[in-house]
Structures are given as C-alpha cells and as structure tokens.
Amino acid sequence: MAFITVSGDPGCRHEELARIAAQRFEFELVTEPDLAKMIAAEFGESIRIPDLAWRPLTVSILASLGTQRRRIIVARAVRKHQPRSLAEDWTRSTSH
C-alpha cells in the first residue's frame, strides 16, 4: 500500500498537480469531495463529523481503500485548523 499526499493552500492548484501525478504514476486519486462522498456513504448524508474525529476517520477510510487499490494519491487543501499533514497522522497511526 502506497500513499502520496499532495496539499497546498486554497487556490494553489494542488488538486491539479495531484491529478497529473496520479495519471503519470498510475495511482488512484482521492480528492476532498471524493472523501466526503465516502464518509456520507459510510455514515449517511446528514452526519457532521467533529473536527477531532476527522483525521482518524480519514486515515481509517484511506487505509481500507489502500487495501483494495494499493496506490493512492490524496489531494487536500491546507487549513489553518489542520496544521499537520495527513501523512504525519498516517505514519503515527500505523506505527503502533
């Protein structure tokens, strides 16, 4: 299972870079709207995910997807309330 996280400030075209990289390296691209659809499919359309639960939930969904698809690029915007990258969270959660 391999993951690459491409992130950037809103408006910096990080999703376009992720799309090009995914196509070039034959990875599956997961964008924030894709992730929102996966969460809605798992928990329902009306659920609101608390900020503290967002990272563990994302890691769990991507880990499940990674067991099926093996190589994934995740495109996400950097937000002020999420200063650490998803990659750091992924490394920490899988090292236990």
Protein backbone atom coordinates (compact mmCIF):
# COMPACT_ATOMS: atom_id res chain seq x y z
CA MET A 1 0.00 0.00 0.00
CA ALA A 2 1.43 3.37 -1.01
CA PHE A 3 0.08 6.84 -0.30
CA ILE A 4 1.18 10.23 -1.53
CA THR A 5 -0.41 13.35 -0.05
CA VAL A 6 -0.43 16.47 -2.19
CA SER A 7 -1.55 19.52 -0.26
CA GLY A 8 -1.48 23.24 -0.65
CA ASP A 9 -3.13 26.49 0.23
CA PRO A 10 -6.57 27.07 -1.27
CA GLY A 11 -6.18 28.38 -4.80
CA CYS A 12 -2.68 26.96 -5.42
CA ARG A 13 -3.91 24.19 -7.79
CA HIS A 14 -2.71 21.31 -5.60
CA GLU A 15 -5.55 19.14 -6.91
CA GLU A 16 -4.38 19.65 -10.50
CA LEU A 17 -0.85 18.59 -9.53
CA ALA A 18 -2.25 15.52 -7.73
CA ARG A 19 -4.35 14.60 -10.78
CA ILE A 20 -1.30 14.80 -13.09
CA ALA A 21 0.84 12.76 -10.67
CA ALA A 22 -1.89 10.13 -10.27
CA GLN A 23 -2.18 9.74 -14.03
CA ARG A 24 1.58 9.65 -14.54
CA PHE A 25 2.28 7.10 -11.78
CA GLU A 26 -0.95 5.11 -12.24
CA PHE A 27 -2.24 5.88 -8.75
CA GLU A 28 -5.87 6.39 -7.81
CA LEU A 29 -6.70 9.99 -6.96
CA VAL A 30 -8.81 10.77 -3.89
CA THR A 31 -9.90 14.39 -3.54
CA GLU A 32 -11.69 16.02 -0.63
CA PRO A 33 -15.07 15.76 -2.42
CA ASP A 34 -14.38 12.05 -3.03
CA LEU A 35 -13.60 11.60 0.65
CA ALA A 36 -16.81 13.44 1.61
CA LYS A 37 -18.78 11.03 -0.59
CA MET A 38 -17.10 8.04 1.08
CA ILE A 39 -17.92 9.41 4.53
CA ALA A 40 -21.54 10.05 3.50
CA ALA A 41 -21.82 6.52 2.10
CA GLU A 42 -20.48 5.10 5.36
CA PHE A 43 -22.37 7.25 7.87
CA GLY A 44 -25.22 8.96 5.98
CA GLU A 45 -25.65 12.30 4.28
CA SER A 46 -26.74 14.27 7.35
CA ILE A 47 -23.91 13.42 9.73
CA ARG A 48 -21.46 16.10 10.80
CA ILE A 49 -18.01 14.80 11.64
CA PRO A 50 -16.45 16.59 14.66
CA ASP A 51 -13.11 18.24 13.94
CA LEU A 52 -11.25 15.92 16.33
CA ALA A 53 -12.66 12.84 14.59
CA TRP A 54 -11.84 13.96 11.06
CA ARG A 55 -8.21 12.76 10.95
CA PRO A 56 -8.76 9.28 12.44
CA LEU A 57 -11.81 8.80 10.23
CA THR A 58 -9.86 9.85 7.13
CA VAL A 59 -6.98 7.52 7.98
CA SER A 60 -9.40 4.65 8.53
CA ILE A 61 -11.20 5.18 5.23
CA LEU A 62 -7.97 5.59 3.27
CA ALA A 63 -6.43 2.52 4.92
CA SER A 64 -9.45 0.48 3.89
CA LEU A 65 -9.25 1.87 0.37
CA GLY A 66 -5.49 1.21 0.33
CA THR A 67 -6.01 -2.50 0.98
CA GLN A 68 -8.14 -2.66 -2.17
CA ARG A 69 -6.34 -0.31 -4.53
CA ARG A 70 -2.75 -0.35 -3.24
CA ARG A 71 -1.57 3.05 -4.61
CA ILE A 72 -3.39 6.27 -3.77
CA ILE A 73 -2.73 9.99 -4.09
CA VAL A 74 -4.70 12.19 -1.71
CA ALA A 75 -5.27 15.82 -2.68
CA ARG A 76 -6.24 18.16 0.14
CA ALA A 77 -6.22 21.83 0.98
CA VAL A 78 -4.20 23.02 3.94
CA ARG A 79 -6.36 24.70 6.55
CA LYS A 80 -5.32 26.80 9.49
CA HIS A 81 -7.01 24.44 11.97
CA GLN A 82 -5.20 21.45 10.44
CA PRO A 83 -1.52 22.45 10.58
CA ARG A 84 -0.07 18.93 10.48
CA SER A 85 -0.24 16.91 7.32
CA LEU A 86 -2.34 13.80 6.87
CA ALA A 87 0.90 11.95 6.12
CA GLU A 88 2.16 12.64 9.64
CA ASP A 89 -1.09 11.35 11.08
CA TRP A 90 -0.93 8.27 8.88
CA THR A 91 2.63 7.47 9.97
CA ARG A 92 1.80 7.90 13.62
CA SER A 93 -1.37 5.80 13.48
CA THR A 94 0.18 2.88 11.58
CA SER A 95 3.36 2.70 13.69
CA HIS A 96 1.52 1.47 16.81
